[in-house]
Amino acid sequence: MHISIIAVGKKMPDWINQAIAEYSKRLSGDVRINLTEVTAERRSKTLSIETSRLREARKIRAALPQGNPYISLDEAGKQLATGDIATKLAAWIRNGQAPSLIIGGADGLHPSLKQESSELWSLSKLTLPHALARLILVEQIYRAWTILKQHPYHRR
């Protein structure tokens, strides 16, 4: 089962890429993470936030695998516990689903993407830099997987 992460942004620092690669490598063959980066729109005085979000939404839609549900990360989304993510991961595996998780750009996601999402999640009430949001999301997928595998990484 593949989980796609579609992330809008710029080039990430090496330490973020290394950490994401490490967590991805730790996952076994039954769960894989595919990270696709979508270039953020450059801000300018002539480009409105609405237009920027709309352009990014088009790029995100083009990058989304077809036929699978997608979940958008948004500050107004539902906050899940790690156990909730493990339960969702187990259901995705059982049902043969390959969801996509979307991390928007600096100005957030276009409302149409959020409306089309099967779910809205929030990683935290804190405002997180995009690099950390990516890393936290990948780590939580790994942690959820370790719960399912009864691996000692997740301690209760």
Protein backbone atom coordinates (compact mmCIF):
# COMPACT_ATOMS: atom_id res chain seq x y z
CA MET A 1 0.00 0.00 0.00
CA HIS A 2 1.32 3.41 -0.94
CA ILE A 3 0.52 6.63 0.85
CA SER A 4 1.13 9.68 -1.31
CA ILE A 5 2.07 12.94 0.30
CA ILE A 6 1.62 15.94 -1.98
CA ALA A 7 3.41 18.93 -0.47
CA VAL A 8 3.51 22.48 -1.77
CA GLY A 9 6.71 24.31 -1.00
CA LYS A 10 10.29 25.02 -1.75
CA LYS A 11 13.40 22.90 -1.48
CA MET A 12 13.60 21.42 2.00
CA PRO A 13 16.70 21.50 4.19
CA ASP A 14 18.89 18.41 3.95
CA TRP A 15 18.18 17.38 7.55
CA ILE A 16 14.44 17.26 6.81
CA ASN A 17 14.98 15.18 3.68
CA GLN A 18 17.30 12.83 5.59
CA ALA A 19 14.82 12.37 8.42
CA ILE A 20 11.93 11.73 6.03
CA ALA A 21 14.09 9.24 4.11
CA GLU A 22 14.98 7.47 7.37
CA TYR A 23 11.36 7.03 8.48
CA SER A 24 10.34 5.97 4.97
CA LYS A 25 13.14 3.39 4.88
CA ARG A 26 12.01 1.92 8.21
CA LEU A 27 8.59 1.05 6.82
CA SER A 28 8.28 -2.48 5.46
CA GLY A 29 7.02 -3.42 2.03
CA ASP A 30 3.37 -3.37 3.08
CA VAL A 31 3.36 0.43 3.52
CA ARG A 32 5.33 2.88 1.39
CA ILE A 33 5.37 6.66 1.30
CA ASN A 34 5.62 8.58 -1.97
CA LEU A 35 6.44 12.25 -1.44
CA THR A 36 5.68 14.56 -4.34
CA GLU A 37 6.71 18.18 -4.14
CA VAL A 38 4.64 20.79 -5.92
CA THR A 39 6.29 24.14 -6.56
CA ALA A 40 4.79 26.97 -4.57
CA GLU A 41 3.60 30.05 -6.40
CA ARG A 42 5.87 33.05 -5.99
CA ARG A 43 4.25 35.82 -4.08
CA SER A 44 4.07 39.20 -5.73
CA LYS A 45 2.08 42.40 -5.49
CA THR A 46 0.16 41.46 -8.64
CA LEU A 47 -0.67 37.88 -7.61
CA SER A 48 -3.55 37.62 -5.14
CA ILE A 49 -3.64 34.94 -2.48
CA GLU A 50 -6.78 33.54 -4.12
CA THR A 51 -5.04 33.23 -7.50
CA SER A 52 -1.97 31.71 -5.86
CA ARG A 53 -4.07 29.09 -4.06
CA LEU A 54 -6.00 28.31 -7.24
CA ARG A 55 -2.79 27.75 -9.23
CA GLU A 56 -1.37 25.56 -6.50
CA ALA A 57 -4.65 23.59 -6.39
CA ARG A 58 -4.32 22.85 -10.11
CA LYS A 59 -0.77 21.56 -9.57
CA ILE A 60 -1.89 19.46 -6.61
CA ARG A 61 -4.76 17.91 -8.58
CA ALA A 62 -2.36 17.06 -11.41
CA ALA A 63 -0.07 15.29 -8.90
CA LEU A 64 -2.82 13.33 -7.11
CA PRO A 65 -3.10 9.64 -7.96
CA GLN A 66 -6.52 9.04 -9.47
CA GLY A 67 -9.27 7.03 -7.83
CA ASN A 68 -8.10 7.23 -4.23
CA PRO A 69 -9.32 9.36 -1.34
CA TYR A 70 -7.33 12.35 -0.25
CA ILE A 71 -6.96 14.10 3.04
CA SER A 72 -6.05 17.77 3.30
CA LEU A 73 -4.08 19.16 6.19
CA ASP A 74 -5.61 22.35 7.47
CA GLU A 75 -5.46 24.31 10.71
CA ALA A 76 -9.24 23.91 11.05
CA GLY A 77 -9.09 20.15 10.50
CA LYS A 78 -9.68 17.42 13.02
CA GLN A 79 -6.82 16.71 15.39
CA LEU A 80 -6.16 13.00 15.63
CA ALA A 81 -4.29 10.99 18.21
CA THR A 82 -1.61 8.63 16.96
CA GLY A 83 -3.89 5.69 17.76
CA ASP A 84 -6.55 7.19 15.48
CA ILE A 85 -4.04 7.34 12.64
CA ALA A 86 -3.11 3.70 13.31
CA THR A 87 -6.79 2.75 13.08
CA LYS A 88 -7.11 4.62 9.77
CA LEU A 89 -3.91 3.02 8.46
CA ALA A 90 -5.23 -0.45 9.33
CA ALA A 91 -8.49 0.30 7.48
CA TRP A 92 -6.61 1.57 4.42
CA ILE A 93 -4.51 -1.58 4.33
CA ARG A 94 -7.55 -3.83 4.87
CA ASN A 95 -9.58 -2.04 2.17
CA GLY A 96 -6.74 -1.77 -0.33
CA GLN A 97 -6.89 2.02 -0.32
CA ALA A 98 -3.94 4.23 -1.14
CA PRO A 99 -4.79 7.66 0.26
CA SER A 100 -3.07 10.92 -0.53
CA LEU A 101 -2.28 13.49 2.14
CA ILE A 102 -1.98 17.11 1.03
CA ILE A 103 0.13 19.80 2.66
CA GLY A 104 -0.68 23.20 1.20
CA GLY A 105 1.51 26.20 0.58
CA ALA A 106 2.25 29.19 2.79
CA ASP A 107 -1.24 30.61 2.20
CA GLY A 108 -3.00 27.30 2.77
CA LEU A 109 -5.14 25.28 0.42
CA HIS A 110 -7.75 26.54 -1.99
CA PRO A 111 -11.24 26.03 -0.47
CA SER A 112 -12.26 23.75 -3.35
CA LEU A 113 -9.54 21.24 -2.44
CA LYS A 114 -10.65 21.21 1.17
CA GLN A 115 -14.28 20.67 0.11
CA GLU A 116 -13.32 17.78 -2.17
CA SER A 117 -11.22 16.08 0.52
CA SER A 118 -12.58 13.01 2.22
CA GLU A 119 -11.22 14.40 5.50
CA LEU A 120 -9.49 17.47 6.93
CA TRP A 121 -6.75 16.86 9.47
CA SER A 122 -4.78 19.23 11.64
CA LEU A 123 -1.37 18.20 12.94
CA SER A 124 -1.45 20.71 15.77
CA LYS A 125 -2.96 23.94 17.00
CA LEU A 126 0.54 25.33 16.60
CA THR A 127 1.58 26.96 13.35
CA LEU A 128 4.27 24.67 11.96
CA PRO A 129 6.85 25.40 9.28
CA HIS A 130 6.16 23.34 6.17
CA ALA A 131 9.38 21.37 6.62
CA LEU A 132 8.35 20.25 10.10
CA ALA A 133 4.79 19.49 8.99
CA ARG A 134 6.16 17.07 6.40
CA LEU A 135 8.45 15.42 8.90
CA ILE A 136 5.78 15.16 11.61
CA LEU A 137 3.32 13.64 9.14
CA VAL A 138 5.82 11.00 7.95
CA GLU A 139 6.87 10.22 11.52
CA GLN A 140 3.25 9.77 12.59
CA ILE A 141 2.59 7.39 9.69
CA TYR A 142 5.65 5.41 10.74
CA ARG A 143 4.54 5.48 14.40
CA ALA A 144 1.04 4.31 13.42
CA TRP A 145 2.59 1.46 11.44
CA THR A 146 4.72 0.45 14.46
CA ILE A 147 1.55 0.30 16.57
CA LEU A 148 -0.02 -2.08 14.06
CA LYS A 149 3.15 -4.21 13.97
CA GLN A 150 3.51 -4.11 17.78
CA HIS A 151 6.98 -2.68 17.31
CA PRO A 152 8.56 -1.15 20.43
CA TYR A 153 9.08 2.28 18.78
CA HIS A 154 5.73 3.50 20.12
CA ARG A 155 5.67 3.30 23.88
CA ARG A 156 2.41 3.75 25.72
